[in-house]
């Protein structure tokens, strides 16, 4: 297992991984020595990188909330869905979707920042401002690609 971090704004993105399987992603104010998979480094540097080439431990059918994570993993770069959208697709409660997002072991790979509330961005650990920055970056890049 390898670990390391890269920057996203004022935050360090800590990644624990082996080959294309990511087991943990966390945001921290402190760096972690070591390498990070190139797609995550490029994404955090602001490129419209497709992280779908990476796998998450949360996609395994044995993992709690894996059906929710698989549905969220399908949300394309630059797009969002609401907690209610995901819940309706799976026949579950929006609160359960929110709980799964809060416990997501691999944000960015499972793009929980793309799941928003009906009335705003919704929460994000450790700071909702990170979610807003991720969504803003993806919106900018999507406009640049289509315009």
Protein backbone atom coordinates (compact mmCIF):
# COMPACT_ATOMS: atom_id res chain seq x y z
CA UNK A 1 0.00 0.00 0.00
CA UNK A 2 1.31 3.44 -0.95
CA UNK A 3 0.36 6.77 0.52
CA UNK A 4 1.02 10.41 -0.18
CA UNK A 5 -0.62 13.77 -0.72
CA UNK A 6 -1.05 16.54 -3.25
CA UNK A 7 -2.49 20.03 -2.95
CA UNK A 8 -5.99 21.23 -3.69
CA UNK A 9 -6.09 24.90 -2.80
CA UNK A 10 -5.20 25.28 0.86
CA UNK A 11 -5.77 21.58 1.54
CA UNK A 12 -3.65 18.48 1.15
CA UNK A 13 -5.40 15.49 -0.36
CA UNK A 14 -4.11 12.34 1.38
CA UNK A 15 -4.41 9.17 -0.71
CA UNK A 16 -3.79 5.54 0.31
CA UNK A 17 -3.61 3.31 -2.76
CA UNK A 18 -2.13 0.34 -4.57
CA UNK A 19 -2.02 0.26 -8.39
CA UNK A 20 -5.44 1.53 -9.52
CA UNK A 21 -7.25 0.67 -6.24
CA UNK A 22 -7.75 3.58 -3.84
CA UNK A 23 -8.59 2.66 -0.26
CA UNK A 24 -8.69 6.07 1.43
CA UNK A 25 -8.85 9.75 0.47
CA UNK A 26 -8.89 12.49 3.10
CA UNK A 27 -8.45 16.27 3.14
CA UNK A 28 -6.01 17.68 5.67
CA UNK A 29 -4.28 20.98 6.39
CA UNK A 30 -1.02 19.01 6.72
CA UNK A 31 0.95 17.25 3.97
CA UNK A 32 1.69 13.54 3.83
CA UNK A 33 4.97 12.48 2.21
CA UNK A 34 4.69 10.15 -0.73
CA UNK A 35 3.22 9.72 -4.19
CA UNK A 36 -0.39 10.12 -5.33
CA UNK A 37 -1.86 8.51 -8.47
CA UNK A 38 -1.34 10.76 -11.51
CA UNK A 39 -5.08 11.14 -12.28
CA UNK A 40 -5.70 12.53 -8.78
CA UNK A 41 -2.70 14.89 -9.03
CA UNK A 42 -3.96 16.17 -12.38
CA UNK A 43 -7.52 16.54 -11.09
CA UNK A 44 -6.35 18.50 -8.03
CA UNK A 45 -4.21 20.71 -10.28
CA UNK A 46 -7.38 21.78 -12.11
CA UNK A 47 -7.35 19.54 -15.18
CA UNK A 48 -10.64 17.96 -16.28
CA UNK A 49 -9.31 14.55 -15.37
CA UNK A 50 -11.47 11.43 -15.52
CA UNK A 51 -10.95 9.55 -12.26
CA UNK A 52 -13.08 6.64 -13.49
CA UNK A 53 -9.88 4.77 -14.36
CA UNK A 54 -9.30 4.44 -10.62
CA UNK A 55 -11.20 1.94 -8.50
CA UNK A 56 -12.39 2.44 -4.94
CA UNK A 57 -12.69 -0.16 -2.22
CA UNK A 58 -16.22 1.22 -1.73
CA UNK A 59 -17.33 -0.20 -5.11
CA UNK A 60 -16.99 -3.78 -3.85
CA UNK A 61 -20.39 -5.36 -3.28
CA UNK A 62 -19.30 -6.40 0.24
CA UNK A 63 -18.69 -2.77 1.24
CA UNK A 64 -21.47 -0.97 3.18
CA UNK A 65 -23.43 1.43 0.93
CA UNK A 66 -21.72 0.05 -2.20
CA UNK A 67 -24.92 0.44 -4.27
CA UNK A 68 -25.00 4.14 -3.38
CA UNK A 69 -21.29 4.54 -4.17
CA UNK A 70 -21.67 2.80 -7.54
CA UNK A 71 -24.55 5.15 -8.45
CA UNK A 72 -22.55 8.23 -7.41
CA UNK A 73 -19.46 6.94 -9.26
CA UNK A 74 -21.53 7.21 -12.47
CA UNK A 75 -22.15 10.98 -12.14
CA UNK A 76 -20.09 12.60 -14.92
CA UNK A 77 -17.49 15.30 -14.38
CA UNK A 78 -19.13 18.73 -14.20
CA UNK A 79 -22.60 17.36 -13.39
CA UNK A 80 -24.52 16.98 -10.15
CA UNK A 81 -27.43 14.98 -8.79
CA UNK A 82 -29.42 15.58 -5.65
CA UNK A 83 -29.56 13.28 -2.66
CA UNK A 84 -33.21 12.75 -3.65
CA UNK A 85 -32.27 11.78 -7.25
CA UNK A 86 -29.88 9.10 -6.02
CA UNK A 87 -32.40 7.90 -3.41
CA UNK A 88 -35.20 7.60 -6.00
CA UNK A 89 -32.95 5.66 -8.38
CA UNK A 90 -32.12 3.17 -5.60
CA UNK A 91 -35.47 3.12 -3.78
CA UNK A 92 -33.99 4.36 -0.50
CA UNK A 93 -34.19 7.45 1.73
CA UNK A 94 -32.27 10.64 0.85
CA UNK A 95 -30.97 10.59 4.44
CA UNK A 96 -29.39 7.21 3.78
CA UNK A 97 -27.66 8.68 0.71
CA UNK A 98 -26.39 11.53 2.90
CA UNK A 99 -25.11 9.07 5.48
CA UNK A 100 -23.29 7.10 2.77
CA UNK A 101 -21.71 10.32 1.43
CA UNK A 102 -20.58 11.28 4.93
CA UNK A 103 -18.90 7.86 5.27
CA UNK A 104 -17.42 7.77 1.76
CA UNK A 105 -13.87 6.40 2.20
CA UNK A 106 -12.66 7.71 -1.16
CA UNK A 107 -14.00 11.17 -2.03
CA UNK A 108 -12.94 12.34 -5.50
CA UNK A 109 -12.83 8.71 -6.73
CA UNK A 110 -16.44 8.31 -5.55
CA UNK A 111 -17.36 11.94 -6.36
CA UNK A 112 -19.62 12.67 -3.39
CA UNK A 113 -19.06 16.39 -3.99
CA UNK A 114 -21.35 15.98 -7.04
CA UNK A 115 -24.27 15.02 -4.78
CA UNK A 116 -26.04 18.19 -3.69
CA UNK A 117 -29.17 19.13 -1.78
CA UNK A 118 -32.23 20.65 -3.46
CA UNK A 119 -31.45 24.01 -1.84
CA UNK A 120 -27.67 24.25 -2.05
CA UNK A 121 -24.46 22.31 -2.09
CA UNK A 122 -25.02 20.30 1.10
CA UNK A 123 -22.33 19.17 3.50
CA UNK A 124 -18.78 17.97 2.98
CA UNK A 125 -16.18 16.81 5.49
CA UNK A 126 -13.97 18.44 6.68
CA UNK A 127 -15.19 21.74 5.15
CA UNK A 128 -18.12 22.47 2.81
CA UNK A 129 -15.94 25.11 1.11
CA UNK A 130 -13.93 22.23 -0.42
CA UNK A 131 -17.10 20.89 -2.05
CA UNK A 132 -17.93 24.34 -3.41
CA UNK A 133 -14.38 24.71 -4.79
CA UNK A 134 -14.50 21.26 -6.45
CA UNK A 135 -17.87 22.01 -8.06
CA UNK A 136 -16.70 25.47 -9.21
CA UNK A 137 -13.54 23.98 -10.77
CA UNK A 138 -15.57 21.35 -12.63
CA UNK A 139 -18.09 23.97 -13.85
CA UNK A 140 -15.25 26.18 -15.18
CA UNK A 141 -13.61 23.27 -16.96
CA UNK A 142 -16.89 22.04 -18.41
CA UNK A 143 -17.66 25.53 -19.79
CA UNK A 144 -14.16 25.73 -21.29
CA UNK A 145 -14.55 22.33 -22.97
CA UNK A 146 -17.98 23.13 -24.43
CA UNK A 147 -17.36 26.76 -25.35
